[in-house]
Each structure stands twice: as structure tokens, then as C-alpha cells.
N, C-alpha and C. Protein backbone atom coordinates (compact mmCIF):
# COMPACT_ATOMS: atom_id res chain seq x y z
N UNK A 1 0.82 -1.20 0.00
CA UNK A 1 0.00 0.00 0.00
C UNK A 1 0.86 1.27 0.00
N UNK A 2 1.92 1.25 0.79
CA UNK A 2 2.82 2.41 0.85
C UNK A 2 3.42 2.69 -0.52
N UNK A 3 3.81 1.63 -1.24
CA UNK A 3 4.38 1.80 -2.57
C UNK A 3 3.38 2.41 -3.54
N UNK A 4 2.10 2.01 -3.46
CA UNK A 4 1.08 2.56 -4.34
C UNK A 4 0.84 4.04 -4.05
N UNK A 5 0.83 4.38 -2.78
CA UNK A 5 0.64 5.78 -2.40
C UNK A 5 1.82 6.64 -2.87
N UNK A 6 3.04 6.10 -2.76
CA UNK A 6 4.21 6.82 -3.23
C UNK A 6 4.17 7.00 -4.75
N UNK A 7 3.71 5.95 -5.44
CA UNK A 7 3.59 6.03 -6.90
C UNK A 7 2.65 7.16 -7.29
N UNK A 8 1.51 7.26 -6.61
CA UNK A 8 0.56 8.33 -6.90
C UNK A 8 1.12 9.70 -6.52
N UNK A 9 1.87 9.74 -5.43
CA UNK A 9 2.48 11.02 -5.03
C UNK A 9 3.44 11.51 -6.11
N UNK A 10 4.26 10.62 -6.66
CA UNK A 10 5.19 11.02 -7.71
C UNK A 10 4.45 11.47 -8.96
N UNK A 11 3.27 10.88 -9.21
CA UNK A 11 2.47 11.27 -10.37
C UNK A 11 1.97 12.71 -10.24
N UNK A 12 1.56 13.08 -9.04
CA UNK A 12 0.90 14.37 -8.86
C UNK A 12 1.79 15.43 -8.21
N UNK A 13 3.05 15.07 -7.92
CA UNK A 13 3.93 15.96 -7.17
C UNK A 13 4.03 17.34 -7.80
N UNK A 14 4.33 17.40 -9.09
CA UNK A 14 4.51 18.71 -9.74
C UNK A 14 3.20 19.49 -9.77
N UNK A 15 2.09 18.79 -10.04
CA UNK A 15 0.78 19.44 -10.08
C UNK A 15 0.40 19.94 -8.69
N UNK A 16 0.74 19.14 -7.68
CA UNK A 16 0.41 19.46 -6.30
C UNK A 16 1.02 20.78 -5.87
N UNK A 17 2.27 20.99 -6.20
CA UNK A 17 2.94 22.23 -5.84
C UNK A 17 2.29 23.44 -6.53
N UNK A 18 1.94 23.26 -7.80
CA UNK A 18 1.29 24.35 -8.55
C UNK A 18 -0.06 24.69 -7.92
N UNK A 19 -0.83 23.64 -7.58
CA UNK A 19 -2.15 23.84 -6.97
C UNK A 19 -2.02 24.57 -5.64
N UNK A 20 -1.02 24.22 -4.84
CA UNK A 20 -0.82 24.87 -3.55
C UNK A 20 -0.49 26.35 -3.71
N UNK A 21 0.32 26.67 -4.72
CA UNK A 21 0.67 28.07 -4.97
C UNK A 21 -0.57 28.84 -5.43
N UNK A 22 -1.33 28.23 -6.37
CA UNK A 22 -2.56 28.88 -6.85
C UNK A 22 -3.53 29.09 -5.70
N UNK A 23 -3.66 28.07 -4.85
CA UNK A 23 -4.56 28.18 -3.71
C UNK A 23 -4.14 29.32 -2.79
N UNK A 24 -2.85 29.40 -2.51
CA UNK A 24 -2.34 30.42 -1.60
C UNK A 24 -2.65 31.82 -2.13
N UNK A 25 -2.48 32.01 -3.45
CA UNK A 25 -2.69 33.34 -4.04
C UNK A 25 -4.18 33.66 -4.15
N UNK A 26 -4.93 32.75 -4.81
CA UNK A 26 -6.36 32.99 -5.04
C UNK A 26 -7.15 32.92 -3.73
N UNK A 27 -6.85 31.90 -2.93
CA UNK A 27 -7.60 31.70 -1.69
C UNK A 27 -7.47 32.86 -0.73
N UNK A 28 -6.26 33.34 -0.53
CA UNK A 28 -6.05 34.46 0.40
C UNK A 28 -6.74 35.72 -0.13
N UNK A 29 -6.67 35.92 -1.45
CA UNK A 29 -7.37 37.06 -2.03
C UNK A 29 -8.87 36.98 -1.81
N UNK A 30 -9.45 35.80 -2.02
CA UNK A 30 -10.89 35.61 -1.83
C UNK A 30 -11.30 35.76 -0.38
N UNK A 31 -10.42 35.36 0.54
CA UNK A 31 -10.76 35.43 1.96
C UNK A 31 -10.98 36.85 2.43
N UNK A 32 -10.39 37.82 1.73
CA UNK A 32 -10.58 39.22 2.11
C UNK A 32 -11.85 39.81 1.47
N UNK A 33 -12.38 39.11 0.46
CA UNK A 33 -13.61 39.56 -0.18
C UNK A 33 -14.83 38.88 0.43
N UNK A 34 -14.65 37.65 0.88
CA UNK A 34 -15.75 36.90 1.50
C UNK A 34 -15.32 36.46 2.89
N UNK A 35 -15.93 35.38 3.38
CA UNK A 35 -15.55 34.85 4.69
C UNK A 35 -14.14 34.26 4.63
N UNK A 36 -13.37 34.46 5.68
CA UNK A 36 -12.01 33.90 5.71
C UNK A 36 -12.05 32.37 5.68
N UNK A 37 -13.16 31.80 6.14
CA UNK A 37 -13.24 30.34 6.24
C UNK A 37 -13.56 29.65 4.93
N UNK A 38 -13.79 30.45 3.88
CA UNK A 38 -13.99 29.85 2.56
C UNK A 38 -12.73 29.11 2.11
N UNK A 39 -11.58 29.46 2.72
CA UNK A 39 -10.32 28.80 2.40
C UNK A 39 -10.37 27.30 2.68
N UNK A 40 -11.09 26.92 3.72
CA UNK A 40 -11.16 25.49 4.06
C UNK A 40 -11.86 24.70 2.96
N UNK A 41 -12.93 25.26 2.42
CA UNK A 41 -13.68 24.58 1.35
C UNK A 41 -12.83 24.49 0.09
N UNK A 42 -12.21 25.61 -0.28
CA UNK A 42 -11.40 25.64 -1.51
C UNK A 42 -10.25 24.64 -1.43
N UNK A 43 -9.52 24.65 -0.32
CA UNK A 43 -8.36 23.76 -0.19
C UNK A 43 -8.77 22.29 -0.17
N UNK A 44 -9.82 21.97 0.56
CA UNK A 44 -10.28 20.57 0.66
C UNK A 44 -10.73 20.04 -0.69
N UNK A 45 -11.50 20.84 -1.41
CA UNK A 45 -12.02 20.43 -2.72
C UNK A 45 -10.90 20.32 -3.75
N UNK A 46 -10.02 21.32 -3.79
CA UNK A 46 -8.95 21.32 -4.79
C UNK A 46 -8.01 20.12 -4.64
N UNK A 47 -7.60 19.82 -3.42
CA UNK A 47 -6.67 18.71 -3.22
C UNK A 47 -7.36 17.36 -3.39
N UNK A 48 -8.62 17.26 -2.99
CA UNK A 48 -9.35 16.02 -3.19
C UNK A 48 -9.50 15.66 -4.67
N UNK A 49 -9.75 16.68 -5.49
CA UNK A 49 -9.91 16.45 -6.93
C UNK A 49 -8.64 15.89 -7.56
N UNK A 50 -7.49 16.32 -7.06
CA UNK A 50 -6.22 15.85 -7.64
C UNK A 50 -6.09 14.34 -7.52
N UNK A 51 -6.51 13.79 -6.38
CA UNK A 51 -6.34 12.35 -6.16
C UNK A 51 -7.16 11.54 -7.16
N UNK A 52 -8.34 12.05 -7.54
CA UNK A 52 -9.19 11.33 -8.49
C UNK A 52 -8.54 11.28 -9.87
N UNK A 53 -7.80 12.33 -10.22
CA UNK A 53 -7.17 12.36 -11.54
C UNK A 53 -6.10 11.28 -11.71
N UNK A 54 -5.59 10.74 -10.59
CA UNK A 54 -4.56 9.70 -10.72
C UNK A 54 -5.12 8.42 -11.34
N UNK A 55 -6.43 8.22 -11.25
CA UNK A 55 -7.05 7.03 -11.86
C UNK A 55 -6.90 7.10 -13.37
N UNK A 56 -7.19 8.26 -13.95
CA UNK A 56 -7.03 8.43 -15.39
C UNK A 56 -5.55 8.45 -15.79
N UNK A 57 -4.69 8.98 -14.91
CA UNK A 57 -3.25 8.94 -15.19
C UNK A 57 -2.77 7.49 -15.29
N UNK A 58 -3.24 6.66 -14.38
CA UNK A 58 -2.89 5.23 -14.43
C UNK A 58 -3.35 4.59 -15.72
N UNK A 59 -4.55 4.95 -16.13
CA UNK A 59 -5.13 4.38 -17.36
C UNK A 59 -4.32 4.79 -18.58
N UNK A 60 -3.97 6.07 -18.66
CA UNK A 60 -3.25 6.59 -19.82
C UNK A 60 -1.79 6.16 -19.88
N UNK A 61 -1.19 5.93 -18.72
CA UNK A 61 0.22 5.57 -18.69
C UNK A 61 0.47 4.06 -18.88
N UNK A 62 -0.62 3.28 -18.88
CA UNK A 62 -0.46 1.83 -19.03
C UNK A 62 -0.13 1.13 -17.72
N UNK A 63 -0.39 1.80 -16.60
CA UNK A 63 -0.11 1.20 -15.29
C UNK A 63 -0.84 -0.12 -15.09
N UNK A 64 -2.05 -0.23 -15.63
CA UNK A 64 -2.85 -1.44 -15.45
C UNK A 64 -2.10 -2.67 -15.96
N UNK A 65 -1.46 -2.52 -17.13
CA UNK A 65 -0.71 -3.66 -17.69
C UNK A 65 0.50 -3.99 -16.84
N UNK A 66 1.15 -2.96 -16.31
CA UNK A 66 2.32 -3.20 -15.47
C UNK A 66 1.92 -3.86 -14.16
N UNK A 67 0.79 -3.40 -13.58
CA UNK A 67 0.37 -3.91 -12.27
C UNK A 67 0.01 -5.38 -12.30
N UNK A 68 -0.35 -5.89 -13.49
CA UNK A 68 -0.73 -7.30 -13.61
C UNK A 68 0.43 -8.21 -13.24
N UNK A 69 1.65 -7.80 -13.58
CA UNK A 69 2.82 -8.65 -13.31
C UNK A 69 3.46 -8.35 -11.95
N UNK A 70 2.88 -7.41 -11.21
CA UNK A 70 3.39 -7.08 -9.89
C UNK A 70 2.55 -7.75 -8.80
N UNK A 71 3.13 -7.96 -7.63
CA UNK A 71 2.36 -8.56 -6.53
C UNK A 71 1.44 -7.53 -5.87
N UNK A 72 0.54 -6.95 -6.70
CA UNK A 72 -0.38 -5.93 -6.23
C UNK A 72 -1.79 -6.35 -6.59
N UNK A 73 -2.64 -6.48 -5.61
CA UNK A 73 -4.02 -6.91 -5.87
C UNK A 73 -4.85 -5.72 -6.34
N UNK A 74 -5.94 -6.03 -7.06
CA UNK A 74 -6.83 -4.97 -7.51
C UNK A 74 -7.47 -4.26 -6.32
N UNK A 75 -7.72 -5.02 -5.27
CA UNK A 75 -8.29 -4.43 -4.06
C UNK A 75 -7.36 -3.37 -3.48
N UNK A 76 -6.06 -3.66 -3.48
CA UNK A 76 -5.08 -2.70 -2.96
C UNK A 76 -5.04 -1.44 -3.81
N UNK A 77 -5.15 -1.60 -5.13
CA UNK A 77 -5.15 -0.45 -6.04
C UNK A 77 -6.35 0.44 -5.74
N UNK A 78 -7.52 -0.18 -5.58
CA UNK A 78 -8.74 0.57 -5.28
C UNK A 78 -8.66 1.25 -3.91
N UNK A 79 -8.21 0.48 -2.91
CA UNK A 79 -8.08 1.03 -1.55
C UNK A 79 -7.15 2.23 -1.54
N UNK A 80 -6.09 2.16 -2.33
CA UNK A 80 -5.12 3.25 -2.40
C UNK A 80 -5.79 4.55 -2.84
N UNK A 81 -6.70 4.47 -3.81
CA UNK A 81 -7.36 5.68 -4.31
C UNK A 81 -8.26 6.30 -3.24
N UNK A 82 -8.98 5.45 -2.51
CA UNK A 82 -9.84 5.96 -1.44
C UNK A 82 -9.00 6.57 -0.30
N UNK A 83 -7.90 5.92 0.03
CA UNK A 83 -7.03 6.44 1.09
C UNK A 83 -6.36 7.73 0.65
N UNK A 84 -5.87 7.76 -0.60
CA UNK A 84 -5.23 8.98 -1.11
C UNK A 84 -6.20 10.15 -1.10
N UNK A 85 -7.45 9.89 -1.46
CA UNK A 85 -8.47 10.94 -1.47
C UNK A 85 -8.65 11.51 -0.06
N UNK A 86 -8.72 10.61 0.93
CA UNK A 86 -8.87 11.06 2.32
C UNK A 86 -7.64 11.85 2.79
N UNK A 87 -6.45 11.37 2.43
CA UNK A 87 -5.22 12.03 2.84
C UNK A 87 -5.12 13.44 2.27
N UNK A 88 -5.34 13.56 0.95
CA UNK A 88 -5.21 14.87 0.31
C UNK A 88 -6.31 15.82 0.76
N UNK A 89 -7.53 15.31 0.90
CA UNK A 89 -8.62 16.16 1.39
C UNK A 89 -8.33 16.61 2.82
N UNK A 90 -7.79 15.71 3.63
CA UNK A 90 -7.44 16.05 5.01
C UNK A 90 -6.34 17.11 5.07
N UNK A 91 -5.34 16.97 4.20
CA UNK A 91 -4.26 17.97 4.15
C UNK A 91 -4.84 19.32 3.72
N UNK A 92 -5.72 19.29 2.73
CA UNK A 92 -6.37 20.52 2.27
C UNK A 92 -7.19 21.17 3.36
N UNK A 93 -7.91 20.35 4.12
CA UNK A 93 -8.72 20.87 5.22
C UNK A 93 -7.84 21.52 6.28
N UNK A 94 -6.76 20.84 6.65
CA UNK A 94 -5.84 21.37 7.66
C UNK A 94 -5.20 22.68 7.19
N UNK A 95 -4.76 22.68 5.93
CA UNK A 95 -4.15 23.89 5.36
C UNK A 95 -5.15 25.04 5.33
N UNK A 96 -6.39 24.72 4.94
CA UNK A 96 -7.43 25.74 4.89
C UNK A 96 -7.75 26.32 6.25
N UNK A 97 -7.80 25.46 7.27
CA UNK A 97 -8.07 25.93 8.63
C UNK A 97 -6.94 26.83 9.13
N UNK A 98 -5.70 26.41 8.89
CA UNK A 98 -4.55 27.21 9.33
C UNK A 98 -4.57 28.59 8.69
N UNK A 99 -4.75 28.62 7.36
CA UNK A 99 -4.77 29.90 6.66
C UNK A 99 -6.01 30.71 7.05
N UNK A 100 -7.12 30.01 7.32
CA UNK A 100 -8.33 30.69 7.75
C UNK A 100 -8.15 31.37 9.10
N UNK A 101 -7.47 30.68 10.01
CA UNK A 101 -7.18 31.27 11.32
C UNK A 101 -6.29 32.50 11.16
N UNK A 102 -5.24 32.37 10.34
CA UNK A 102 -4.32 33.50 10.12
C UNK A 102 -5.07 34.68 9.51
N UNK A 103 -5.90 34.41 8.49
CA UNK A 103 -6.66 35.49 7.84
C UNK A 103 -7.65 36.12 8.81
N UNK A 104 -8.27 35.30 9.67
CA UNK A 104 -9.23 35.82 10.66
C UNK A 104 -8.55 36.72 11.67
N UNK A 105 -7.35 36.33 12.10
CA UNK A 105 -6.60 37.15 13.05
C UNK A 105 -6.22 38.49 12.41
N UNK A 106 -5.78 38.43 11.15
CA UNK A 106 -5.40 39.66 10.44
C UNK A 106 -6.60 40.60 10.29
N UNK A 107 -7.77 40.01 9.96
CA UNK A 107 -8.98 40.80 9.78
C UNK A 107 -9.65 41.15 11.10
N UNK A 108 -9.22 40.47 12.17
CA UNK A 108 -9.84 40.70 13.47
C UNK A 108 -11.26 40.19 13.56
N UNK A 109 -11.54 39.08 12.83
CA UNK A 109 -12.90 38.53 12.78
C UNK A 109 -12.88 37.04 13.12
N UNK A 110 -12.40 36.71 14.30
CA UNK A 110 -12.35 35.31 14.72
C UNK A 110 -13.75 34.87 15.15
N UNK A 111 -14.26 33.83 14.50
CA UNK A 111 -15.61 33.34 14.78
C UNK A 111 -15.58 31.81 14.78
N UNK A 112 -15.63 31.21 15.97
CA UNK A 112 -15.55 29.76 16.09
C UNK A 112 -16.72 29.05 15.40
N UNK A 113 -17.89 29.65 15.48
CA UNK A 113 -19.07 29.02 14.87
C UNK A 113 -18.95 28.96 13.35
N UNK A 114 -18.46 30.04 12.75
CA UNK A 114 -18.25 30.04 11.29
C UNK A 114 -17.20 29.02 10.90
N UNK A 115 -16.15 28.92 11.72
CA UNK A 115 -15.10 27.94 11.43
C UNK A 115 -15.67 26.53 11.42
N UNK A 116 -16.47 26.18 12.44
CA UNK A 116 -17.06 24.85 12.52
C UNK A 116 -17.99 24.59 11.34
N UNK A 117 -18.75 25.61 10.96
CA UNK A 117 -19.67 25.47 9.85
C UNK A 117 -18.93 25.18 8.55
N UNK A 118 -17.88 25.95 8.26
CA UNK A 118 -17.14 25.76 7.01
C UNK A 118 -16.31 24.48 7.01
N UNK A 119 -15.82 24.08 8.18
CA UNK A 119 -15.12 22.79 8.27
C UNK A 119 -16.09 21.67 7.95
N UNK A 120 -17.30 21.76 8.50
CA UNK A 120 -18.33 20.75 8.21
C UNK A 120 -18.69 20.71 6.74
N UNK A 121 -18.86 21.89 6.14
CA UNK A 121 -19.17 21.96 4.70
C UNK A 121 -18.04 21.32 3.90
N UNK A 122 -16.80 21.60 4.27
CA UNK A 122 -15.65 21.05 3.55
C UNK A 122 -15.63 19.52 3.60
N UNK A 123 -15.80 18.98 4.80
CA UNK A 123 -15.79 17.53 4.98
C UNK A 123 -16.95 16.89 4.23
N UNK A 124 -18.14 17.48 4.37
CA UNK A 124 -19.32 16.92 3.71
C UNK A 124 -19.16 16.92 2.19
N UNK A 125 -18.70 18.04 1.63
CA UNK A 125 -18.54 18.13 0.18
C UNK A 125 -17.48 17.15 -0.32
N UNK A 126 -16.39 17.03 0.43
CA UNK A 126 -15.31 16.12 0.02
C UNK A 126 -15.80 14.68 0.01
N UNK A 127 -16.47 14.25 1.07
CA UNK A 127 -16.88 12.85 1.18
C UNK A 127 -18.02 12.51 0.23
N UNK A 128 -18.99 13.42 0.11
CA UNK A 128 -20.10 13.18 -0.83
C UNK A 128 -19.57 13.08 -2.26
N UNK A 129 -18.70 14.01 -2.62
CA UNK A 129 -18.14 14.01 -3.98
C UNK A 129 -17.24 12.80 -4.23
N UNK A 130 -16.39 12.48 -3.25
CA UNK A 130 -15.50 11.34 -3.40
C UNK A 130 -16.24 10.02 -3.54
N UNK A 131 -17.37 9.89 -2.84
CA UNK A 131 -18.14 8.66 -2.92
C UNK A 131 -18.69 8.42 -4.32
N UNK A 132 -18.82 9.52 -5.10
CA UNK A 132 -19.31 9.39 -6.48
C UNK A 132 -18.17 9.35 -7.50
N UNK A 133 -17.22 10.26 -7.35
CA UNK A 133 -16.20 10.42 -8.39
C UNK A 133 -15.21 9.26 -8.48
N UNK A 134 -14.84 8.67 -7.35
CA UNK A 134 -13.85 7.58 -7.39
C UNK A 134 -14.38 6.37 -8.16
N UNK A 135 -15.56 5.83 -7.79
CA UNK A 135 -16.04 4.66 -8.56
C UNK A 135 -16.39 5.00 -10.01
N UNK A 136 -16.95 6.20 -10.25
CA UNK A 136 -17.32 6.56 -11.61
C UNK A 136 -16.09 6.74 -12.50
N UNK A 137 -15.01 7.23 -11.94
CA UNK A 137 -13.78 7.40 -12.72
C UNK A 137 -13.19 6.04 -13.10
N UNK A 138 -13.34 5.06 -12.22
CA UNK A 138 -12.91 3.71 -12.55
C UNK A 138 -13.77 3.11 -13.67
N UNK A 139 -15.07 3.36 -13.63
CA UNK A 139 -16.00 2.69 -14.53
C UNK A 139 -16.16 3.38 -15.87
N UNK A 140 -16.05 4.72 -15.90
CA UNK A 140 -16.32 5.47 -17.12
C UNK A 140 -15.04 5.83 -17.87
N UNK A 141 -15.22 6.24 -19.11
CA UNK A 141 -14.08 6.70 -19.91
C UNK A 141 -13.58 8.03 -19.33
N UNK A 142 -12.43 8.47 -19.80
CA UNK A 142 -11.82 9.69 -19.25
C UNK A 142 -12.73 10.90 -19.44
N UNK A 143 -13.35 11.03 -20.63
CA UNK A 143 -14.20 12.18 -20.90
C UNK A 143 -15.43 12.16 -19.99
N UNK A 144 -16.07 11.01 -19.87
CA UNK A 144 -17.27 10.91 -19.05
C UNK A 144 -16.95 11.05 -17.56
N UNK A 145 -15.79 10.56 -17.15
CA UNK A 145 -15.42 10.68 -15.74
C UNK A 145 -15.14 12.14 -15.37
N UNK A 146 -14.64 12.93 -16.33
CA UNK A 146 -14.44 14.36 -16.08
C UNK A 146 -15.78 15.06 -15.89
N UNK A 147 -16.77 14.62 -16.65
CA UNK A 147 -18.12 15.18 -16.50
C UNK A 147 -18.68 14.84 -15.12
N UNK A 148 -18.44 13.60 -14.68
CA UNK A 148 -18.88 13.19 -13.34
C UNK A 148 -18.21 14.02 -12.27
N UNK A 149 -16.94 14.34 -12.48
CA UNK A 149 -16.18 15.16 -11.53
C UNK A 149 -16.77 16.57 -11.46
N UNK A 150 -17.16 17.11 -12.61
CA UNK A 150 -17.73 18.46 -12.65
C UNK A 150 -19.09 18.50 -11.98
N UNK A 151 -19.88 17.43 -12.14
CA UNK A 151 -21.23 17.39 -11.57
C UNK A 151 -21.22 17.10 -10.08
N UNK A 152 -20.28 16.29 -9.62
CA UNK A 152 -20.29 15.80 -8.23
C UNK A 152 -20.22 16.92 -7.20
N UNK A 153 -19.36 17.90 -7.41
CA UNK A 153 -19.19 18.95 -6.41
C UNK A 153 -20.38 19.89 -6.31
N UNK A 154 -20.96 20.35 -7.44
CA UNK A 154 -22.20 21.13 -7.32
C UNK A 154 -23.33 20.33 -6.68
N UNK A 155 -23.42 19.04 -7.02
CA UNK A 155 -24.45 18.19 -6.42
C UNK A 155 -24.28 18.14 -4.90
N UNK A 156 -23.04 18.00 -4.44
CA UNK A 156 -22.76 17.96 -3.01
C UNK A 156 -23.16 19.26 -2.33
N UNK A 157 -22.90 20.38 -2.99
CA UNK A 157 -23.28 21.67 -2.40
C UNK A 157 -24.79 21.83 -2.37
N UNK A 158 -25.49 21.29 -3.39
CA UNK A 158 -26.95 21.36 -3.40
C UNK A 158 -27.54 20.55 -2.25
N UNK A 159 -26.90 19.41 -1.92
CA UNK A 159 -27.36 18.60 -0.79
C UNK A 159 -27.26 19.41 0.50
N UNK A 160 -26.15 20.10 0.66
CA UNK A 160 -25.98 20.91 1.87
C UNK A 160 -26.98 22.06 1.91
N UNK A 161 -27.17 22.75 0.79
CA UNK A 161 -28.12 23.86 0.72
C UNK A 161 -29.53 23.37 1.04
N UNK A 162 -29.90 22.20 0.49
CA UNK A 162 -31.20 21.62 0.77
C UNK A 162 -31.39 21.33 2.24
N UNK A 163 -30.36 20.77 2.87
CA UNK A 163 -30.43 20.47 4.30
C UNK A 163 -30.54 21.77 5.11
N UNK A 164 -29.81 22.81 4.70
CA UNK A 164 -29.84 24.09 5.41
C UNK A 164 -31.20 24.76 5.29
N UNK A 165 -31.88 24.55 4.16
CA UNK A 165 -33.22 25.13 3.99
C UNK A 165 -34.26 24.39 4.82
N UNK A 166 -34.06 23.08 4.98
CA UNK A 166 -35.02 22.27 5.73
C UNK A 166 -34.83 22.39 7.24
N UNK A 167 -33.58 22.62 7.67
CA UNK A 167 -33.26 22.68 9.10
C UNK A 167 -32.77 24.09 9.43
N UNK A 168 -33.41 24.73 10.38
CA UNK A 168 -33.06 26.11 10.72
C UNK A 168 -31.64 26.25 11.28
N UNK A 169 -31.24 25.28 12.10
CA UNK A 169 -29.91 25.32 12.70
C UNK A 169 -28.87 24.87 11.68
N UNK A 170 -28.07 25.81 11.18
CA UNK A 170 -27.11 25.48 10.11
C UNK A 170 -26.04 24.49 10.57
N UNK A 171 -25.59 24.63 11.82
CA UNK A 171 -24.59 23.69 12.33
C UNK A 171 -25.13 22.28 12.40
N UNK A 172 -26.40 22.14 12.81
CA UNK A 172 -27.04 20.83 12.86
C UNK A 172 -27.18 20.25 11.46
N UNK A 173 -27.62 21.08 10.52
CA UNK A 173 -27.76 20.64 9.13
C UNK A 173 -26.43 20.19 8.57
N UNK A 174 -25.39 20.96 8.86
CA UNK A 174 -24.04 20.63 8.39
C UNK A 174 -23.57 19.32 9.00
N UNK A 175 -23.84 19.14 10.29
CA UNK A 175 -23.44 17.90 10.97
C UNK A 175 -24.13 16.69 10.38
N UNK A 176 -25.42 16.82 10.08
CA UNK A 176 -26.17 15.70 9.50
C UNK A 176 -25.66 15.35 8.10
N UNK A 177 -25.39 16.39 7.30
CA UNK A 177 -24.87 16.15 5.95
C UNK A 177 -23.48 15.51 6.02
N UNK A 178 -22.69 15.92 6.99
CA UNK A 178 -21.35 15.34 7.17
C UNK A 178 -21.45 13.86 7.52
N UNK A 179 -22.39 13.52 8.40
CA UNK A 179 -22.61 12.11 8.76
C UNK A 179 -23.04 11.31 7.54
N UNK A 180 -23.93 11.89 6.74
CA UNK A 180 -24.37 11.23 5.50
C UNK A 180 -23.17 11.04 4.56
N UNK A 181 -22.32 12.06 4.49
CA UNK A 181 -21.12 11.96 3.64
C UNK A 181 -20.20 10.84 4.09
N UNK A 182 -19.98 10.71 5.39
CA UNK A 182 -19.13 9.64 5.93
C UNK A 182 -19.72 8.28 5.58
N UNK A 183 -21.03 8.14 5.77
CA UNK A 183 -21.70 6.86 5.48
C UNK A 183 -21.63 6.52 4.00
N UNK A 184 -21.90 7.51 3.14
CA UNK A 184 -21.87 7.25 1.69
C UNK A 184 -20.47 6.92 1.20
N UNK A 185 -19.47 7.57 1.79
CA UNK A 185 -18.09 7.28 1.39
C UNK A 185 -17.72 5.85 1.77
N UNK A 186 -18.11 5.44 2.98
CA UNK A 186 -17.83 4.08 3.43
C UNK A 186 -18.58 3.05 2.58
N UNK A 187 -19.85 3.34 2.26
CA UNK A 187 -20.65 2.43 1.43
C UNK A 187 -20.06 2.33 0.03
N UNK A 188 -19.67 3.50 -0.52
CA UNK A 188 -19.06 3.52 -1.86
C UNK A 188 -17.80 2.67 -1.89
N UNK A 189 -16.99 2.77 -0.85
CA UNK A 189 -15.74 2.02 -0.76
C UNK A 189 -16.03 0.51 -0.69
N UNK A 190 -16.97 0.13 0.14
CA UNK A 190 -17.31 -1.29 0.30
C UNK A 190 -17.89 -1.88 -0.98
N UNK A 191 -18.81 -1.14 -1.60
CA UNK A 191 -19.43 -1.64 -2.85
C UNK A 191 -18.40 -1.73 -3.96
N UNK A 192 -17.53 -0.71 -4.04
CA UNK A 192 -16.49 -0.72 -5.08
C UNK A 192 -15.56 -1.92 -4.93
N UNK A 193 -15.25 -2.27 -3.68
CA UNK A 193 -14.36 -3.42 -3.45
C UNK A 193 -15.00 -4.71 -3.95
N UNK A 194 -16.33 -4.78 -3.94
CA UNK A 194 -17.01 -6.00 -4.36
C UNK A 194 -17.35 -6.00 -5.84
N UNK A 195 -17.70 -4.82 -6.38
CA UNK A 195 -18.19 -4.76 -7.75
C UNK A 195 -17.11 -4.36 -8.76
N UNK A 196 -16.40 -3.25 -8.51
CA UNK A 196 -15.44 -2.75 -9.50
C UNK A 196 -14.25 -3.69 -9.64
N UNK A 197 -13.86 -4.32 -8.55
CA UNK A 197 -12.69 -5.21 -8.58
C UNK A 197 -12.87 -6.33 -9.61
N UNK A 198 -14.11 -6.77 -9.79
CA UNK A 198 -14.38 -7.87 -10.72
C UNK A 198 -14.45 -7.40 -12.17
N UNK A 199 -14.42 -6.10 -12.38
CA UNK A 199 -14.47 -5.56 -13.76
C UNK A 199 -13.05 -5.26 -14.23
N UNK A 200 -12.93 -5.01 -15.52
CA UNK A 200 -11.63 -4.70 -16.10
C UNK A 200 -11.30 -3.23 -15.85
N UNK A 201 -10.57 -2.95 -14.77
CA UNK A 201 -10.25 -1.56 -14.45
C UNK A 201 -8.83 -1.23 -14.91
């Protein structure tokens, strides 16, 4: 598993650095125009999306043919993608929170409730989107999987908006959507291990 994660890290290393620089410039600028905590959502979503692209990179580079002759099970390959998604999203969340705290201190607008709300939105969007994009990227062609990636994040935000409209307490709504996201991510992972593994990925 460690070798698979390192392989994916080397694939995205150069892109990762560029994304971090873009995030630092754009995110900090946006934080002064909107809520400072928007940084958590941007960072979590941006880094999570990178991990999904490694599936298509594997497909285009011929990794599948190479992996057949290696002592690597299909289950391990699939598990690696789900773990990488969690790792990168988690790093994005942590980075977003740190920069959000710094920006809040600079602006003099420290608000714990807003921080919790945006952290919840970030986690919910990441898990809801990941539960859809990872299996769909395995199953669909590169063009169709990109469409799934584009649709997944707006869909996740619509779920949160719907919950916020139905429940007056935004923190409660966010917490419930986050729980749903955790459950869907776990279900997606379990189903993928049983169904996608048996297909030609």
C-alpha cells in the first residue's frame, strides 16, 4: 500500500505544488472579499480532486498492464485511491483551517461558529463528492469521468443547501450532511471493493 501511495504522489507531485501556490494566491485574495473560512472549502475540494485524476493517469500511462505482473491486488489499487483521497482532502482541510485562522486574526474577525460550519461543509462536500467520483472514474471513460467530476461537487453543495433550507440550525444541518457523507463514502468504498474489482479496471 505504501508503494502505491508513493507512486501516486510522484504522479501528482509537480501538479500538487502548482495547486498549492494557486490556492495560496487565489484563496487568500478571496478570503478578504468573502468569509475567511472559505479557504477550508477551496483547499479541501482542490486537493481532493487531484487524487481522483490519478485514476485516469494510471489508465493513460499503461499502469494497469504493469500492475498485472506485480504482486499488487486490484483491491489494494482501489483502496489506495480511497485512502489517497482522504489524505489529500485532510491535508487541504488542515491547510485551509490554518490559513483561515491566520486570515481571521489579520482581519480581526475570529468566529468559532463560522469555522465549525465551514469545516463541516468542507468535509461533507469532500466525502459526498468522493463517494461518487472515485467509482465513476474507474467505470467510465476519461471524458465521461471528467463530467462526473464536474457534476459531483455542485451536487454535493446542493445537498448541503437543501439540508440548510429544511433545518433552521445550520450547524445541525451541516453535521447531519457530514454524517451522510461519511456513510456514503464508506458504502461507496465497500461496494467498489465487491463490484469494481471484478471488472476490467
